[in-house]
Amino acid sequence: MADYQIVCVRKSARTPAGHQHIVSVGIGSGGTYTSLLSVADVYQMMRNGNRFYTVSPSTGAVAWVRALTCCGLYTLTTSPDHVTDNNLDNLSYCGN
């Protein structure tokens, strides 16, 4: 079992409800991703005991990632804290 830092995300198009869902995440460090994982991949790894987290660039605060069902879709979210720049929704886009 291991811990993996999520450094970037890819989101869906806007839903009829007006928001987006995380569809894949980039795993790495220092803002650079080395692997791109789908939400299904992350769910499977979580079931196997692995954990995922983000890090605030401004404070260093860690936010743990959890599974979430929204609009009938499987997605991911970060546990709430008082820092916003470590939320999955606020991470940069995983390019290329």
PDB file of N, CA and C in Angstrom:
ATOM      1  N   MET A   1       0.824  -1.167   0.000  1.00  0.00           N
ATOM      2  CA  MET A   1       0.000   0.000   0.000  1.00  0.00           C
ATOM      3  C   MET A   1       0.876   1.241   0.000  1.00  0.00           C
ATOM      4  N   ALA A   2       0.426   2.247  -0.734  1.00  0.00           N
ATOM      5  CA  ALA A   2       1.238   3.451  -0.887  1.00  0.00           C
ATOM      6  C   ALA A   2       0.350   4.694  -0.909  1.00  0.00           C
ATOM      7  N   ASP A   3       0.999   5.829  -0.736  1.00  0.00           N
ATOM      8  CA  ASP A   3       0.335   7.119  -0.858  1.00  0.00           C
ATOM      9  C   ASP A   3       0.813   7.773  -2.149  1.00  0.00           C
ATOM     10  N   TYR A   4      -0.107   8.393  -2.885  1.00  0.00           N
ATOM     11  CA  TYR A   4       0.203   9.014  -4.166  1.00  0.00           C
ATOM     12  C   TYR A   4      -0.264  10.455  -4.171  1.00  0.00           C
ATOM     13  N   GLN A   5       0.611  11.352  -4.605  1.00  0.00           N
ATOM     14  CA  GLN A   5       0.239  12.763  -4.702  1.00  0.00           C
ATOM     15  C   GLN A   5      -0.385  13.042  -6.066  1.00  0.00           C
ATOM     16  N   ILE A   6      -1.551  13.654  -6.048  1.00  0.00           N
ATOM     17  CA  ILE A   6      -2.208  14.115  -7.264  1.00  0.00           C
ATOM     18  C   ILE A   6      -1.766  15.553  -7.502  1.00  0.00           C
ATOM     19  N   VAL A   7      -1.218  15.825  -8.698  1.00  0.00           N
ATOM     20  CA  VAL A   7      -0.682  17.152  -8.993  1.00  0.00           C
ATOM     21  C   VAL A   7      -1.482  17.906 -10.052  1.00  0.00           C
ATOM     22  N   CYS A   8      -2.360  17.206 -10.774  1.00  0.00           N
ATOM     23  CA  CYS A   8      -3.179  17.862 -11.794  1.00  0.00           C
ATOM     24  C   CYS A   8      -4.400  16.992 -12.078  1.00  0.00           C
ATOM     25  N   VAL A   9      -5.375  17.552 -12.774  1.00  0.00           N
ATOM     26  CA  VAL A   9      -6.625  16.839 -13.045  1.00  0.00           C
ATOM     27  C   VAL A   9      -7.087  17.094 -14.480  1.00  0.00           C
ATOM     28  N   ARG A  10      -7.951  16.222 -14.928  1.00  0.00           N
ATOM     29  CA  ARG A  10      -8.736  16.443 -16.143  1.00  0.00           C
ATOM     30  C   ARG A  10     -10.187  16.331 -15.739  1.00  0.00           C
ATOM     31  N   LYS A  11     -11.012  17.248 -16.263  1.00  0.00           N
ATOM     32  CA  LYS A  11     -12.423  17.309 -15.885  1.00  0.00           C
ATOM     33  C   LYS A  11     -13.314  17.034 -17.091  1.00  0.00           C
ATOM     34  N   SER A  12     -14.542  16.641 -16.786  1.00  0.00           N
ATOM     35  CA  SER A  12     -15.559  16.428 -17.814  1.00  0.00           C
ATOM     36  C   SER A  12     -16.044  17.770 -18.349  1.00  0.00           C
ATOM     37  N   ALA A  13     -16.828  17.707 -19.406  1.00  0.00           N
ATOM     38  CA  ALA A  13     -17.553  18.888 -19.850  1.00  0.00           C
ATOM     39  C   ALA A  13     -18.553  19.254 -18.759  1.00  0.00           C
ATOM     40  N   ARG A  14     -19.091  20.440 -18.809  1.00  0.00           N
ATOM     41  CA  ARG A  14     -20.083  20.854 -17.811  1.00  0.00           C
ATOM     42  C   ARG A  14     -21.312  19.969 -17.900  1.00  0.00           C
ATOM     43  N   THR A  15     -21.816  19.582 -16.744  1.00  0.00           N
ATOM     44  CA  THR A  15     -23.028  18.765 -16.661  1.00  0.00           C
ATOM     45  C   THR A  15     -24.254  19.668 -16.809  1.00  0.00           C
ATOM     46  N   PRO A  16     -25.433  19.071 -16.991  1.00  0.00           N
ATOM     47  CA  PRO A  16     -26.650  19.897 -17.008  1.00  0.00           C
ATOM     48  C   PRO A  16     -26.829  20.697 -15.709  1.00  0.00           C
ATOM     49  N   ALA A  17     -26.254  20.196 -14.619  1.00  0.00           N
ATOM     50  CA  ALA A  17     -26.332  20.911 -13.340  1.00  0.00           C
ATOM     51  C   ALA A  17     -25.351  22.086 -13.284  1.00  0.00           C
ATOM     52  N   GLY A  18     -24.507  22.233 -14.311  1.00  0.00           N
ATOM     53  CA  GLY A  18     -23.618  23.389 -14.392  1.00  0.00           C
ATOM     54  C   GLY A  18     -22.243  23.225 -13.792  1.00  0.00           C
ATOM     55  N   HIS A  19     -21.841  22.021 -13.448  1.00  0.00           N
ATOM     56  CA  HIS A  19     -20.504  21.824 -12.892  1.00  0.00           C
ATOM     57  C   HIS A  19     -19.778  20.711 -13.636  1.00  0.00           C
ATOM     58  N   GLN A  20     -18.523  20.504 -13.289  1.00  0.00           N
ATOM     59  CA  GLN A  20     -17.699  19.481 -13.923  1.00  0.00           C
ATOM     60  C   GLN A  20     -17.324  18.410 -12.905  1.00  0.00           C
ATOM     61  N   HIS A  21     -16.939  17.245 -13.420  1.00  0.00           N
ATOM     62  CA  HIS A  21     -16.462  16.149 -12.574  1.00  0.00           C
ATOM     63  C   HIS A  21     -15.023  15.815 -12.939  1.00  0.00           C
ATOM     64  N   ILE A  22     -14.265  15.367 -11.952  1.00  0.00           N
ATOM     65  CA  ILE A  22     -12.915  14.868 -12.196  1.00  0.00           C
ATOM     66  C   ILE A  22     -13.047  13.547 -12.952  1.00  0.00           C
ATOM     67  N   VAL A  23     -12.340  13.392 -14.074  1.00  0.00           N
ATOM     68  CA  VAL A  23     -12.391  12.142 -14.836  1.00  0.00           C
ATOM     69  C   VAL A  23     -11.049  11.415 -14.838  1.00  0.00           C
ATOM     70  N   SER A  24      -9.953  12.153 -14.599  1.00  0.00           N
ATOM     71  CA  SER A  24      -8.649  11.525 -14.461  1.00  0.00           C
ATOM     72  C   SER A  24      -7.734  12.453 -13.680  1.00  0.00           C
ATOM     73  N   VAL A  25      -6.682  11.877 -13.124  1.00  0.00           N
ATOM     74  CA  VAL A  25      -5.742  12.641 -12.293  1.00  0.00           C
ATOM     75  C   VAL A  25      -4.316  12.300 -12.688  1.00  0.00           C
ATOM     76  N   GLY A  26      -3.439  13.278 -12.505  1.00  0.00           N
ATOM     77  CA  GLY A  26      -2.018  13.069 -12.744  1.00  0.00           C
ATOM     78  C   GLY A  26      -1.315  12.839 -11.422  1.00  0.00           C
ATOM     79  N   ILE A  27      -0.546  11.776 -11.359  1.00  0.00           N
ATOM     80  CA  ILE A  27       0.208  11.411 -10.161  1.00  0.00           C
ATOM     81  C   ILE A  27       1.668  11.808 -10.372  1.00  0.00           C
ATOM     82  N   GLY A  28       2.254  12.443  -9.380  1.00  0.00           N
ATOM     83  CA  GLY A  28       3.655  12.840  -9.489  1.00  0.00           C
ATOM     84  C   GLY A  28       4.070  13.644  -8.282  1.00  0.00           C
ATOM     85  N   SER A  29       4.982  14.598  -8.519  1.00  0.00           N
ATOM     86  CA  SER A  29       5.429  15.494  -7.452  1.00  0.00           C
ATOM     87  C   SER A  29       5.977  16.760  -8.083  1.00  0.00           C
ATOM     88  N   GLY A  30       6.055  17.807  -7.298  1.00  0.00           N
ATOM     89  CA  GLY A  30       6.596  19.060  -7.791  1.00  0.00           C
ATOM     90  C   GLY A  30       5.827  19.658  -8.955  1.00  0.00           C
ATOM     91  N   GLY A  31       4.553  19.332  -9.072  1.00  0.00           N
ATOM     92  CA  GLY A  31       3.736  19.880 -10.141  1.00  0.00           C
ATOM     93  C   GLY A  31       3.821  19.143 -11.461  1.00  0.00           C
ATOM     94  N   THR A  32       4.677  18.132 -11.541  1.00  0.00           N
ATOM     95  CA  THR A  32       4.841  17.362 -12.773  1.00  0.00           C
ATOM     96  C   THR A  32       4.248  15.977 -12.586  1.00  0.00           C
ATOM     97  N   TYR A  33       3.414  15.549 -13.532  1.00  0.00           N
ATOM     98  CA  TYR A  33       2.838  14.219 -13.402  1.00  0.00           C
ATOM     99  C   TYR A  33       3.611  13.207 -14.230  1.00  0.00           C
ATOM    100  N   THR A  34       3.706  12.009 -13.680  1.00  0.00           N
ATOM    101  CA  THR A  34       4.413  10.918 -14.355  1.00  0.00           C
ATOM    102  C   THR A  34       3.459   9.833 -14.806  1.00  0.00           C
ATOM    103  N   SER A  35       2.248   9.803 -14.238  1.00  0.00           N
ATOM    104  CA  SER A  35       1.215   8.839 -14.617  1.00  0.00           C
ATOM    105  C   SER A  35      -0.127   9.534 -14.628  1.00  0.00           C
ATOM    106  N   LEU A  36      -0.966   9.184 -15.605  1.00  0.00           N
ATOM    107  CA  LEU A  36      -2.324   9.685 -15.667  1.00  0.00           C
ATOM    108  C   LEU A  36      -3.253   8.511 -15.374  1.00  0.00           C
ATOM    109  N   LEU A  37      -4.083   8.655 -14.344  1.00  0.00           N
ATOM    110  CA  LEU A  37      -4.983   7.583 -13.922  1.00  0.00           C
ATOM    111  C   LEU A  37      -6.433   8.011 -14.080  1.00  0.00           C
ATOM    112  N   SER A  38      -7.267   7.107 -14.566  1.00  0.00           N
ATOM    113  CA  SER A  38      -8.698   7.382 -14.623  1.00  0.00           C
ATOM    114  C   SER A  38      -9.282   7.274 -13.218  1.00  0.00           C
ATOM    115  N   VAL A  39     -10.491   7.783 -13.049  1.00  0.00           N
ATOM    116  CA  VAL A  39     -11.175   7.650 -11.767  1.00  0.00           C
ATOM    117  C   VAL A  39     -11.347   6.173 -11.422  1.00  0.00           C
ATOM    118  N   ALA A  40     -11.664   5.351 -12.423  1.00  0.00           N
ATOM    119  CA  ALA A  40     -11.806   3.905 -12.174  1.00  0.00           C
ATOM    120  C   ALA A  40     -10.503   3.308 -11.659  1.00  0.00           C
ATOM    121  N   ASP A  41      -9.359   3.746 -12.219  1.00  0.00           N
ATOM    122  CA  ASP A  41      -8.050   3.266 -11.741  1.00  0.00           C
ATOM    123  C   ASP A  41      -7.842   3.656 -10.284  1.00  0.00           C
ATOM    124  N   VAL A  42      -8.168   4.904  -9.953  1.00  0.00           N
ATOM    125  CA  VAL A  42      -7.995   5.389  -8.581  1.00  0.00           C
ATOM    126  C   VAL A  42      -8.892   4.612  -7.624  1.00  0.00           C
ATOM    127  N   TYR A  43     -10.148   4.385  -8.014  1.00  0.00           N
ATOM    128  CA  TYR A  43     -11.060   3.606  -7.167  1.00  0.00           C
ATOM    129  C   TYR A  43     -10.476   2.216  -6.881  1.00  0.00           C
ATOM    130  N   GLN A  44      -9.964   1.566  -7.911  1.00  0.00           N
ATOM    131  CA  GLN A  44      -9.398   0.224  -7.735  1.00  0.00           C
ATOM    132  C   GLN A  44      -8.195   0.261  -6.790  1.00  0.00           C
ATOM    133  N   MET A  45      -7.339   1.254  -6.981  1.00  0.00           N
ATOM    134  CA  MET A  45      -6.170   1.378  -6.111  1.00  0.00           C
ATOM    135  C   MET A  45      -6.583   1.671  -4.671  1.00  0.00           C
ATOM    136  N   MET A  46      -7.635   2.478  -4.486  1.00  0.00           N
ATOM    137  CA  MET A  46      -8.135   2.746  -3.129  1.00  0.00           C
ATOM    138  C   MET A  46      -8.673   1.473  -2.491  1.00  0.00           C
ATOM    139  N   ARG A  47      -9.392   0.671  -3.279  1.00  0.00           N
ATOM    140  CA  ARG A  47      -9.908  -0.606  -2.742  1.00  0.00           C
ATOM    141  C   ARG A  47      -8.767  -1.520  -2.306  1.00  0.00           C
ATOM    142  N   ASN A  48      -7.611  -1.357  -2.936  1.00  0.00           N
ATOM    143  CA  ASN A  48      -6.443  -2.171  -2.584  1.00  0.00           C
ATOM    144  C   ASN A  48      -5.633  -1.559  -1.450  1.00  0.00           C
ATOM    145  N   GLY A  49      -6.153  -0.483  -0.832  1.00  0.00           N
ATOM    146  CA  GLY A  49      -5.493   0.094   0.342  1.00  0.00           C
ATOM    147  C   GLY A  49      -4.594   1.284   0.073  1.00  0.00           C
ATOM    148  N   ASN A  50      -4.485   1.737  -1.168  1.00  0.00           N
ATOM    149  CA  ASN A  50      -3.664   2.902  -1.482  1.00  0.00           C
ATOM    150  C   ASN A  50      -4.444   4.177  -1.167  1.00  0.00           C
ATOM    151  N   ARG A  51      -3.700   5.261  -0.896  1.00  0.00           N
ATOM    152  CA  ARG A  51      -4.326   6.542  -0.589  1.00  0.00           C
ATOM    153  C   ARG A  51      -3.803   7.609  -1.551  1.00  0.00           C
ATOM    154  N   PHE A  52      -4.625   8.632  -1.772  1.00  0.00           N
ATOM    155  CA  PHE A  52      -4.279   9.729  -2.663  1.00  0.00           C
ATOM    156  C   PHE A  52      -4.458  11.034  -1.916  1.00  0.00           C
ATOM    157  N   TYR A  53      -3.616  12.019  -2.247  1.00  0.00           N
ATOM    158  CA  TYR A  53      -3.677  13.305  -1.559  1.00  0.00           C
ATOM    159  C   TYR A  53      -3.224  14.421  -2.499  1.00  0.00           C
ATOM    160  N   THR A  54      -3.518  15.650  -2.100  1.00  0.00           N
ATOM    161  CA  THR A  54      -3.004  16.839  -2.769  1.00  0.00           C
ATOM    162  C   THR A  54      -2.256  17.661  -1.735  1.00  0.00           C
ATOM    163  N   VAL A  55      -1.435  18.595  -2.222  1.00  0.00           N
ATOM    164  CA  VAL A  55      -0.663  19.459  -1.329  1.00  0.00           C
ATOM    165  C   VAL A  55      -0.889  20.906  -1.741  1.00  0.00           C
ATOM    166  N   SER A  56      -1.154  21.752  -0.763  1.00  0.00           N
ATOM    167  CA  SER A  56      -1.321  23.180  -1.013  1.00  0.00           C
ATOM    168  C   SER A  56       0.022  23.805  -1.353  1.00  0.00           C
ATOM    169  N   PRO A  57       0.119  24.494  -2.506  1.00  0.00           N
ATOM    170  CA  PRO A  57       1.380  25.171  -2.811  1.00  0.00           C
ATOM    171  C   PRO A  57       1.652  26.360  -1.894  1.00  0.00           C
ATOM    172  N   SER A  58       0.611  26.927  -1.281  1.00  0.00           N
ATOM    173  CA  SER A  58       0.808  28.110  -0.437  1.00  0.00           C
ATOM    174  C   SER A  58       1.126  27.777   1.017  1.00  0.00           C
ATOM    175  N   THR A  59       0.569  26.666   1.522  1.00  0.00           N
ATOM    176  CA  THR A  59       0.762  26.357   2.946  1.00  0.00           C
ATOM    177  C   THR A  59       1.406  24.996   3.200  1.00  0.00           C
ATOM    178  N   GLY A  60       1.426  24.136   2.182  1.00  0.00           N
ATOM    179  CA  GLY A  60       1.937  22.777   2.379  1.00  0.00           C
ATOM    180  C   GLY A  60       0.920  21.838   2.996  1.00  0.00           C
ATOM    181  N   ALA A  61      -0.318  22.330   3.225  1.00  0.00           N
ATOM    182  CA  ALA A  61      -1.358  21.505   3.835  1.00  0.00           C
ATOM    183  C   ALA A  61      -1.743  20.360   2.900  1.00  0.00           C
ATOM    184  N   VAL A  62      -1.920  19.190   3.479  1.00  0.00           N
ATOM    185  CA  VAL A  62      -2.314  17.994   2.730  1.00  0.00           C
ATOM    186  C   VAL A  62      -3.824  17.824   2.820  1.00  0.00           C
ATOM    187  N   ALA A  63      -4.443  17.498   1.689  1.00  0.00           N
ATOM    188  CA  ALA A  63      -5.869  17.161   1.652  1.00  0.00           C
ATOM    189  C   ALA A  63      -5.982  15.743   1.107  1.00  0.00           C
ATOM    190  N   TRP A  64      -6.648  14.874   1.821  1.00  0.00           N
ATOM    191  CA  TRP A  64      -6.826  13.495   1.389  1.00  0.00           C
ATOM    192  C   TRP A  64      -7.988  13.395   0.407  1.00  0.00           C
ATOM    193  N   VAL A  65      -7.830  12.545  -0.568  1.00  0.00           N
ATOM    194  CA  VAL A  65      -8.824  12.371  -1.625  1.00  0.00           C
ATOM    195  C   VAL A  65      -9.763  11.242  -1.246  1.00  0.00           C
ATOM    196  N   ARG A  66     -11.055  11.439  -1.560  1.00  0.00           N
ATOM    197  CA  ARG A  66     -12.045  10.398  -1.298  1.00  0.00           C
ATOM    198  C   ARG A  66     -12.919  10.198  -2.523  1.00  0.00           C
ATOM    199  N   ALA A  67     -13.501   9.024  -2.584  1.00  0.00           N
ATOM    200  CA  ALA A  67     -14.432   8.683  -3.656  1.00  0.00           C
ATOM    201  C   ALA A  67     -15.724   9.453  -3.440  1.00  0.00           C
ATOM    202  N   LEU A  68     -16.394   9.795  -4.539  1.00  0.00           N
ATOM    203  CA  LEU A  68     -17.630  10.559  -4.474  1.00  0.00           C
ATOM    204  C   LEU A  68     -18.524  10.148  -5.635  1.00  0.00           C
ATOM    205  N   THR A  69     -19.813  10.041  -5.386  1.00  0.00           N
ATOM    206  CA  THR A  69     -20.785   9.859  -6.456  1.00  0.00           C
ATOM    207  C   THR A  69     -21.570  11.159  -6.564  1.00  0.00           C
ATOM    208  N   CYS A  70     -21.605  11.732  -7.758  1.00  0.00           N
ATOM    209  CA  CYS A  70     -22.313  12.985  -7.998  1.00  0.00           C
ATOM    210  C   CYS A  70     -23.031  12.866  -9.333  1.00  0.00           C
ATOM    211  N   CYS A  71     -24.281  13.206  -9.361  1.00  0.00           N
ATOM    212  CA  CYS A  71     -25.081  13.140 -10.599  1.00  0.00           C
ATOM    213  C   CYS A  71     -25.104  11.721 -11.159  1.00  0.00           C
ATOM    214  N   GLY A  72     -24.976  10.720 -10.291  1.00  0.00           N
ATOM    215  CA  GLY A  72     -24.975   9.334 -10.726  1.00  0.00           C
ATOM    216  C   GLY A  72     -23.653   8.873 -11.314  1.00  0.00           C
ATOM    217  N   LEU A  73     -22.606   9.702 -11.225  1.00  0.00           N
ATOM    218  CA  LEU A  73     -21.292   9.365 -11.777  1.00  0.00           C
ATOM    219  C   LEU A  73     -20.275   9.207 -10.651  1.00  0.00           C
ATOM    220  N   TYR A  74     -19.306   8.342 -10.874  1.00  0.00           N
ATOM    221  CA  TYR A  74     -18.213   8.186  -9.924  1.00  0.00           C
ATOM    222  C   TYR A  74     -17.154   9.239 -10.223  1.00  0.00           C
ATOM    223  N   THR A  75     -16.744   9.950  -9.182  1.00  0.00           N
ATOM    224  CA  THR A  75     -15.730  10.977  -9.322  1.00  0.00           C
ATOM    225  C   THR A  75     -14.915  11.023  -8.031  1.00  0.00           C
ATOM    226  N   LEU A  76     -14.139  12.056  -7.848  1.00  0.00           N
ATOM    227  CA  LEU A  76     -13.273  12.192  -6.678  1.00  0.00           C
ATOM    228  C   LEU A  76     -13.436  13.575  -6.081  1.00  0.00           C
ATOM    229  N   THR A  77     -13.146  13.683  -4.793  1.00  0.00           N
ATOM    230  CA  THR A  77     -13.151  14.977  -4.109  1.00  0.00           C
ATOM    231  C   THR A  77     -12.073  14.948  -3.029  1.00  0.00           C
ATOM    232  N   THR A  78     -11.743  16.114  -2.514  1.00  0.00           N
ATOM    233  CA  THR A  78     -10.813  16.193  -1.395  1.00  0.00           C
ATOM    234  C   THR A  78     -11.590  16.416  -0.108  1.00  0.00           C
ATOM    235  N   SER A  79     -11.045  15.909   0.976  1.00  0.00           N
ATOM    236  CA  SER A  79     -11.664  16.139   2.277  1.00  0.00           C
ATOM    237  C   SER A  79     -11.624  17.630   2.583  1.00  0.00           C
ATOM    238  N   PRO A  80     -12.696  18.183   3.134  1.00  0.00           N
ATOM    239  CA  PRO A  80     -12.737  19.622   3.384  1.00  0.00           C
ATOM    240  C   PRO A  80     -11.689  20.056   4.408  1.00  0.00           C
ATOM    241  N   ASP A  81     -11.103  21.213   4.137  1.00  0.00           N
ATOM    242  CA  ASP A  81     -10.220  21.863   5.096  1.00  0.00           C
ATOM    243  C   ASP A  81     -10.328  23.365   4.856  1.00  0.00           C
ATOM    244  N   HIS A  82      -9.503  24.149   5.503  1.00  0.00           N
ATOM    245  CA  HIS A  82      -9.595  25.605   5.400  1.00  0.00           C
ATOM    246  C   HIS A  82      -8.694  26.174   4.307  1.00  0.00           C
ATOM    247  N   VAL A  83      -8.114  25.301   3.487  1.00  0.00           N
ATOM    248  CA  VAL A  83      -7.236  25.718   2.404  1.00  0.00           C
ATOM    249  C   VAL A  83      -7.920  25.357   1.094  1.00  0.00           C
ATOM    250  N   THR A  84      -7.937  26.266   0.130  1.00  0.00           N
ATOM    251  CA  THR A  84      -8.632  25.976  -1.123  1.00  0.00           C
ATOM    252  C   THR A  84      -7.705  25.568  -2.261  1.00  0.00           C
ATOM    253  N   ASP A  85      -6.421  25.945  -2.192  1.00  0.00           N
ATOM    254  CA  ASP A  85      -5.566  25.637  -3.337  1.00  0.00           C
ATOM    255  C   ASP A  85      -5.075  24.188  -3.353  1.00  0.00           C
ATOM    256  N   ASN A  86      -5.521  23.381  -2.383  1.00  0.00           N
ATOM    257  CA  ASN A  86      -5.218  21.943  -2.429  1.00  0.00           C
ATOM    258  C   ASN A  86      -6.460  21.128  -2.805  1.00  0.00           C
ATOM    259  N   ASN A  87      -7.561  21.794  -3.159  1.00  0.00           N
ATOM    260  CA  ASN A  87      -8.763  21.085  -3.590  1.00  0.00           C
ATOM    261  C   ASN A  87      -8.568  20.558  -5.011  1.00  0.00           C
ATOM    262  N   LEU A  88      -9.061  19.377  -5.284  1.00  0.00           N
ATOM    263  CA  LEU A  88      -8.932  18.813  -6.632  1.00  0.00           C
ATOM    264  C   LEU A  88      -9.472  19.764  -7.697  1.00  0.00           C
ATOM    265  N   ASP A  89     -10.597  20.398  -7.422  1.00  0.00           N
ATOM    266  CA  ASP A  89     -11.191  21.305  -8.403  1.00  0.00           C
ATOM    267  C   ASP A  89     -10.293  22.488  -8.745  1.00  0.00           C
ATOM    268  N   ASN A  90      -9.354  22.816  -7.888  1.00  0.00           N
ATOM    269  CA  ASN A  90      -8.489  23.974  -8.119  1.00  0.00           C
ATOM    270  C   ASN A  90      -7.107  23.606  -8.648  1.00  0.00           C
ATOM    271  N   LEU A  91      -6.835  22.327  -8.837  1.00  0.00           N
ATOM    272  CA  LEU A  91      -5.540  21.924  -9.393  1.00  0.00           C
ATOM    273  C   LEU A  91      -5.497  22.243 -10.882  1.00  0.00           C
ATOM    274  N   SER A  92      -4.287  22.365 -11.405  1.00  0.00           N
ATOM    275  CA  SER A  92      -4.124  22.677 -12.828  1.00  0.00           C
ATOM    276  C   SER A  92      -4.527  21.492 -13.707  1.00  0.00           C
ATOM    277  N   TYR A  93      -4.725  21.763 -14.977  1.00  0.00           N
ATOM    278  CA  TYR A  93      -5.087  20.767 -15.976  1.00  0.00           C
ATOM    279  C   TYR A  93      -3.877  19.920 -16.326  1.00  0.00           C
ATOM    280  N   CYS A  94      -4.071  18.616 -16.425  1.00  0.00           N
ATOM    281  CA  CYS A  94      -2.999  17.713 -16.872  1.00  0.00           C
ATOM    282  C   CYS A  94      -2.917  17.808 -18.399  1.00  0.00           C
ATOM    283  N   GLY A  95      -1.934  18.472 -18.904  1.00  0.00           N
ATOM    284  CA  GLY A  95      -1.773  18.663 -20.342  1.00  0.00           C
ATOM    285  C   GLY A  95      -1.232  17.440 -21.043  1.00  0.00           C
ATOM    286  N   ASN A  96      -1.445  17.431 -22.336  1.00  0.00           N
ATOM    287  CA  ASN A  96      -0.958  16.370 -23.232  1.00  0.00           C
ATOM    288  C   ASN A  96      -1.228  15.019 -22.660  1.00  0.00           C
TER     289      ASN A  96
END
